[in-house]
Amino acid sequence: MNIAQMMKQAQQMQKKLQETQNELANTEFSSESGNGAVSVICDGQGKFKSIKLSKAALNPENPDSVDTDTVEMLEDLITTAINNATEQATKEMQTKMKSLTGGINIPGLF
């Protein structure tokens, strides 16, 4: 195999890797717990997207006492905290990986 063929294969593999990453980023996975009291959505890359809480999750004795604004505020607070922690973890991982790879960008590594 000559260099031109190897370069072509590498470009094809990089293109397929990018397509797969895009596909995963646009795929959603959801999960529930507590018989639907809490539901969470993540994308195919494991990034948190949203959380939904039922009123019964907040007050099982009297779900009607919980107003919608309270539920939405709590969902927003949880979403912000998870996204901030994820961003910090991602930055730390990128810093450590760059030190290991000598700054070389390896597609698909992070």
N, C-alpha and C. Protein backbone atom coordinates (compact mmCIF):
# COMPACT_ATOMS: atom_id res chain seq x y z
N MET A 1 0.86 -1.18 0.00
CA MET A 1 0.00 0.00 0.00
C MET A 1 0.90 1.24 0.00
N ASN A 2 0.58 2.15 -0.89
CA ASN A 2 1.41 3.36 -0.95
C ASN A 2 0.85 4.46 -0.06
N ILE A 3 1.61 5.53 0.06
CA ILE A 3 1.25 6.64 0.96
C ILE A 3 -0.09 7.27 0.55
N ALA A 4 -0.33 7.43 -0.74
CA ALA A 4 -1.58 8.05 -1.20
C ALA A 4 -2.79 7.22 -0.77
N GLN A 5 -2.67 5.89 -0.87
CA GLN A 5 -3.78 5.02 -0.44
C GLN A 5 -3.99 5.12 1.07
N MET A 6 -2.90 5.16 1.82
CA MET A 6 -3.00 5.26 3.27
C MET A 6 -3.66 6.58 3.67
N MET A 7 -3.30 7.67 2.99
CA MET A 7 -3.88 8.98 3.29
C MET A 7 -5.37 8.98 2.96
N LYS A 8 -5.72 8.35 1.84
CA LYS A 8 -7.14 8.29 1.44
C LYS A 8 -7.93 7.50 2.48
N GLN A 9 -7.38 6.38 2.93
CA GLN A 9 -8.06 5.57 3.96
C GLN A 9 -8.20 6.35 5.26
N ALA A 10 -7.16 7.08 5.63
CA ALA A 10 -7.21 7.87 6.86
C ALA A 10 -8.28 8.95 6.76
N GLN A 11 -8.39 9.60 5.60
CA GLN A 11 -9.40 10.63 5.40
C GLN A 11 -10.81 10.03 5.45
N GLN A 12 -10.98 8.85 4.85
CA GLN A 12 -12.28 8.18 4.87
C GLN A 12 -12.66 7.80 6.30
N MET A 13 -11.69 7.29 7.04
CA MET A 13 -11.95 6.90 8.42
C MET A 13 -12.29 8.14 9.27
N GLN A 14 -11.57 9.25 9.07
CA GLN A 14 -11.85 10.46 9.81
C GLN A 14 -13.25 10.99 9.47
N LYS A 15 -13.64 10.92 8.19
CA LYS A 15 -14.97 11.36 7.78
C LYS A 15 -16.04 10.50 8.43
N LYS A 16 -15.83 9.18 8.44
CA LYS A 16 -16.81 8.27 9.05
C LYS A 16 -16.89 8.51 10.56
N LEU A 17 -15.76 8.76 11.19
CA LEU A 17 -15.73 9.05 12.62
C LEU A 17 -16.53 10.31 12.92
N GLN A 18 -16.34 11.35 12.12
CA GLN A 18 -17.06 12.61 12.30
C GLN A 18 -18.55 12.40 12.09
N GLU A 19 -18.93 11.64 11.07
CA GLU A 19 -20.35 11.35 10.82
C GLU A 19 -20.97 10.61 11.99
N THR A 20 -20.24 9.64 12.54
CA THR A 20 -20.73 8.87 13.68
C THR A 20 -20.89 9.77 14.90
N GLN A 21 -19.93 10.65 15.14
CA GLN A 21 -20.02 11.57 16.27
C GLN A 21 -21.22 12.50 16.12
N ASN A 22 -21.46 12.99 14.90
CA ASN A 22 -22.62 13.85 14.65
C ASN A 22 -23.92 13.09 14.87
N GLU A 23 -23.96 11.86 14.41
CA GLU A 23 -25.15 11.02 14.60
C GLU A 23 -25.42 10.81 16.08
N LEU A 24 -24.38 10.49 16.84
CA LEU A 24 -24.54 10.28 18.28
C LEU A 24 -24.98 11.56 18.99
N ALA A 25 -24.44 12.70 18.57
CA ALA A 25 -24.80 13.98 19.19
C ALA A 25 -26.28 14.31 18.96
N ASN A 26 -26.84 13.79 17.87
CA ASN A 26 -28.23 14.07 17.55
C ASN A 26 -29.19 12.95 17.96
N THR A 27 -28.69 11.96 18.66
CA THR A 27 -29.52 10.87 19.15
C THR A 27 -29.79 11.09 20.63
N GLU A 28 -31.04 10.93 21.02
CA GLU A 28 -31.39 11.13 22.43
C GLU A 28 -31.73 9.81 23.09
N PHE A 29 -31.30 9.67 24.34
CA PHE A 29 -31.62 8.51 25.16
C PHE A 29 -32.31 9.02 26.42
N SER A 30 -33.40 8.38 26.80
CA SER A 30 -34.10 8.81 27.99
C SER A 30 -34.24 7.66 28.97
N SER A 31 -34.35 8.03 30.23
CA SER A 31 -34.52 7.04 31.28
C SER A 31 -35.41 7.64 32.36
N GLU A 32 -36.16 6.77 33.00
CA GLU A 32 -37.05 7.20 34.07
C GLU A 32 -36.75 6.41 35.33
N SER A 33 -37.09 7.02 36.47
CA SER A 33 -37.04 6.29 37.73
C SER A 33 -38.26 6.69 38.55
N GLY A 34 -38.55 5.89 39.54
CA GLY A 34 -39.69 6.18 40.40
C GLY A 34 -41.01 6.20 39.65
N ASN A 35 -41.18 5.24 38.74
CA ASN A 35 -42.42 5.18 37.93
C ASN A 35 -42.71 6.49 37.22
N GLY A 36 -41.67 7.10 36.67
CA GLY A 36 -41.83 8.34 35.92
C GLY A 36 -41.72 9.60 36.74
N ALA A 37 -41.42 9.48 38.02
CA ALA A 37 -41.28 10.66 38.87
C ALA A 37 -40.13 11.54 38.40
N VAL A 38 -39.08 10.91 37.90
CA VAL A 38 -37.91 11.63 37.38
C VAL A 38 -37.57 11.03 36.03
N SER A 39 -37.42 11.91 35.02
CA SER A 39 -36.95 11.43 33.71
C SER A 39 -35.81 12.33 33.25
N VAL A 40 -34.85 11.70 32.60
CA VAL A 40 -33.63 12.39 32.17
C VAL A 40 -33.38 12.05 30.70
N ILE A 41 -32.87 13.03 29.96
CA ILE A 41 -32.49 12.82 28.57
C ILE A 41 -31.01 13.18 28.41
N CYS A 42 -30.27 12.29 27.74
CA CYS A 42 -28.87 12.52 27.38
C CYS A 42 -28.73 12.29 25.88
N ASP A 43 -27.68 12.86 25.29
CA ASP A 43 -27.43 12.55 23.89
C ASP A 43 -26.53 11.32 23.79
N GLY A 44 -26.28 10.88 22.59
CA GLY A 44 -25.51 9.67 22.35
C GLY A 44 -24.04 9.78 22.72
N GLN A 45 -23.60 10.99 23.06
CA GLN A 45 -22.23 11.18 23.52
C GLN A 45 -22.19 11.25 25.05
N GLY A 46 -23.33 10.98 25.67
CA GLY A 46 -23.40 10.97 27.12
C GLY A 46 -23.58 12.34 27.75
N LYS A 47 -23.83 13.35 26.94
CA LYS A 47 -24.01 14.70 27.47
C LYS A 47 -25.45 14.86 27.96
N PHE A 48 -25.59 15.35 29.18
CA PHE A 48 -26.88 15.60 29.79
C PHE A 48 -27.62 16.68 29.02
N LYS A 49 -28.91 16.45 28.75
CA LYS A 49 -29.71 17.45 28.04
C LYS A 49 -30.81 18.04 28.91
N SER A 50 -31.57 17.20 29.61
CA SER A 50 -32.66 17.75 30.41
C SER A 50 -33.13 16.77 31.47
N ILE A 51 -33.85 17.33 32.42
CA ILE A 51 -34.47 16.54 33.49
C ILE A 51 -35.90 17.03 33.66
N LYS A 52 -36.80 16.11 33.92
CA LYS A 52 -38.20 16.44 34.21
C LYS A 52 -38.57 15.77 35.52
N LEU A 53 -39.19 16.56 36.39
CA LEU A 53 -39.62 16.06 37.69
C LEU A 53 -41.14 16.12 37.77
N SER A 54 -41.73 15.11 38.33
CA SER A 54 -43.18 15.16 38.55
C SER A 54 -43.44 15.86 39.88
N LYS A 55 -44.62 16.39 40.01
CA LYS A 55 -44.99 17.03 41.28
C LYS A 55 -44.97 16.00 42.42
N ALA A 56 -45.30 14.75 42.09
CA ALA A 56 -45.31 13.68 43.10
C ALA A 56 -43.89 13.38 43.59
N ALA A 57 -42.89 13.63 42.76
CA ALA A 57 -41.51 13.42 43.19
C ALA A 57 -41.12 14.41 44.27
N LEU A 58 -41.71 15.60 44.21
CA LEU A 58 -41.39 16.65 45.18
C LEU A 58 -42.24 16.56 46.44
N ASN A 59 -43.48 16.13 46.27
CA ASN A 59 -44.36 16.00 47.42
C ASN A 59 -45.32 14.83 47.20
N PRO A 60 -44.86 13.63 47.51
CA PRO A 60 -45.68 12.44 47.25
C PRO A 60 -46.99 12.43 48.05
N GLU A 61 -47.00 13.09 49.20
CA GLU A 61 -48.20 13.12 50.04
C GLU A 61 -49.30 13.98 49.42
N ASN A 62 -48.86 15.09 48.75
CA ASN A 62 -49.83 16.03 48.20
C ASN A 62 -49.25 16.70 46.95
N PRO A 63 -49.19 15.97 45.84
CA PRO A 63 -48.57 16.51 44.62
C PRO A 63 -49.23 17.81 44.13
N ASP A 64 -50.52 17.97 44.37
CA ASP A 64 -51.22 19.17 43.90
C ASP A 64 -50.78 20.43 44.62
N SER A 65 -50.10 20.28 45.75
CA SER A 65 -49.63 21.46 46.49
C SER A 65 -48.39 22.08 45.85
N VAL A 66 -47.77 21.37 44.91
CA VAL A 66 -46.55 21.85 44.25
C VAL A 66 -46.96 22.59 42.97
N ASP A 67 -46.53 23.85 42.86
CA ASP A 67 -46.90 24.59 41.65
C ASP A 67 -45.89 24.35 40.54
N THR A 68 -46.33 24.56 39.33
CA THR A 68 -45.51 24.29 38.14
C THR A 68 -44.23 25.12 38.13
N ASP A 69 -44.30 26.37 38.57
CA ASP A 69 -43.11 27.23 38.59
C ASP A 69 -42.02 26.65 39.50
N THR A 70 -42.41 26.07 40.61
CA THR A 70 -41.45 25.46 41.53
C THR A 70 -40.77 24.26 40.86
N VAL A 71 -41.55 23.44 40.18
CA VAL A 71 -40.99 22.28 39.49
C VAL A 71 -40.00 22.74 38.42
N GLU A 72 -40.40 23.72 37.61
CA GLU A 72 -39.53 24.21 36.53
C GLU A 72 -38.26 24.85 37.07
N MET A 73 -38.38 25.60 38.19
CA MET A 73 -37.20 26.22 38.79
C MET A 73 -36.21 25.15 39.27
N LEU A 74 -36.73 24.11 39.90
CA LEU A 74 -35.87 23.03 40.39
C LEU A 74 -35.23 22.28 39.21
N GLU A 75 -35.98 22.03 38.15
CA GLU A 75 -35.42 21.38 36.96
C GLU A 75 -34.28 22.23 36.38
N ASP A 76 -34.49 23.55 36.31
CA ASP A 76 -33.45 24.46 35.79
C ASP A 76 -32.20 24.46 36.67
N LEU A 77 -32.39 24.47 38.00
CA LEU A 77 -31.25 24.45 38.92
C LEU A 77 -30.45 23.17 38.79
N ILE A 78 -31.14 22.04 38.68
CA ILE A 78 -30.46 20.74 38.53
C ILE A 78 -29.73 20.70 37.20
N THR A 79 -30.39 21.15 36.13
CA THR A 79 -29.78 21.16 34.80
C THR A 79 -28.51 22.00 34.79
N THR A 80 -28.56 23.18 35.38
CA THR A 80 -27.39 24.07 35.42
C THR A 80 -26.24 23.42 36.20
N ALA A 81 -26.55 22.82 37.34
CA ALA A 81 -25.50 22.18 38.15
C ALA A 81 -24.86 21.02 37.39
N ILE A 82 -25.66 20.19 36.75
CA ILE A 82 -25.11 19.05 36.00
C ILE A 82 -24.27 19.54 34.82
N ASN A 83 -24.77 20.53 34.08
CA ASN A 83 -24.01 21.04 32.93
C ASN A 83 -22.70 21.69 33.37
N ASN A 84 -22.70 22.42 34.49
CA ASN A 84 -21.46 23.03 34.98
C ASN A 84 -20.43 21.96 35.38
N ALA A 85 -20.89 20.94 36.08
CA ALA A 85 -19.97 19.86 36.49
C ALA A 85 -19.43 19.12 35.27
N THR A 86 -20.28 18.87 34.29
CA THR A 86 -19.86 18.18 33.06
C THR A 86 -18.83 19.02 32.31
N GLU A 87 -19.06 20.33 32.23
CA GLU A 87 -18.12 21.22 31.55
C GLU A 87 -16.76 21.21 32.24
N GLN A 88 -16.76 21.26 33.56
CA GLN A 88 -15.50 21.22 34.32
C GLN A 88 -14.77 19.90 34.06
N ALA A 89 -15.50 18.80 34.08
CA ALA A 89 -14.89 17.48 33.86
C ALA A 89 -14.32 17.38 32.46
N THR A 90 -15.05 17.90 31.47
CA THR A 90 -14.59 17.86 30.08
C THR A 90 -13.31 18.67 29.91
N LYS A 91 -13.28 19.87 30.49
CA LYS A 91 -12.08 20.72 30.38
C LYS A 91 -10.87 20.03 31.02
N GLU A 92 -11.08 19.42 32.18
CA GLU A 92 -9.98 18.73 32.86
C GLU A 92 -9.48 17.55 32.03
N MET A 93 -10.44 16.80 31.45
CA MET A 93 -10.05 15.66 30.61
C MET A 93 -9.25 16.14 29.40
N GLN A 94 -9.71 17.24 28.76
CA GLN A 94 -9.00 17.77 27.60
C GLN A 94 -7.60 18.22 27.97
N THR A 95 -7.44 18.87 29.11
CA THR A 95 -6.13 19.32 29.56
C THR A 95 -5.20 18.13 29.77
N LYS A 96 -5.69 17.09 30.45
CA LYS A 96 -4.86 15.92 30.71
C LYS A 96 -4.52 15.17 29.43
N MET A 97 -5.48 15.07 28.51
CA MET A 97 -5.23 14.36 27.25
C MET A 97 -4.22 15.12 26.39
N LYS A 98 -4.31 16.45 26.38
CA LYS A 98 -3.36 17.26 25.62
C LYS A 98 -1.96 17.07 26.15
N SER A 99 -1.83 16.96 27.48
CA SER A 99 -0.49 16.76 28.04
C SER A 99 0.04 15.37 27.66
N LEU A 100 -0.84 14.39 27.54
CA LEU A 100 -0.41 13.05 27.14
C LEU A 100 -0.05 12.95 25.66
N THR A 101 -0.79 13.71 24.82
CA THR A 101 -0.57 13.62 23.37
C THR A 101 0.39 14.69 22.87
N GLY A 102 0.90 15.50 23.78
CA GLY A 102 1.84 16.55 23.37
C GLY A 102 1.15 17.65 22.57
N GLY A 103 -0.16 17.82 22.77
CA GLY A 103 -0.89 18.86 22.07
C GLY A 103 -1.42 18.45 20.71
N ILE A 104 -1.12 17.20 20.30
CA ILE A 104 -1.61 16.72 19.01
C ILE A 104 -3.10 16.41 19.14
N ASN A 105 -3.89 16.95 18.19
CA ASN A 105 -5.33 16.70 18.20
C ASN A 105 -5.62 15.35 17.54
N ILE A 106 -6.10 14.41 18.32
CA ILE A 106 -6.45 13.09 17.80
C ILE A 106 -7.97 13.04 17.71
N PRO A 107 -8.52 13.04 16.47
CA PRO A 107 -9.97 13.07 16.31
C PRO A 107 -10.64 11.91 17.06
N GLY A 108 -11.74 12.24 17.73
CA GLY A 108 -12.50 11.23 18.45
C GLY A 108 -12.01 10.96 19.86
N LEU A 109 -10.87 11.53 20.22
CA LEU A 109 -10.32 11.28 21.55
C LEU A 109 -11.07 12.10 22.59
N PHE A 110 -11.46 13.31 22.26
CA PHE A 110 -12.30 14.12 23.14
C PHE A 110 -12.99 15.19 22.37
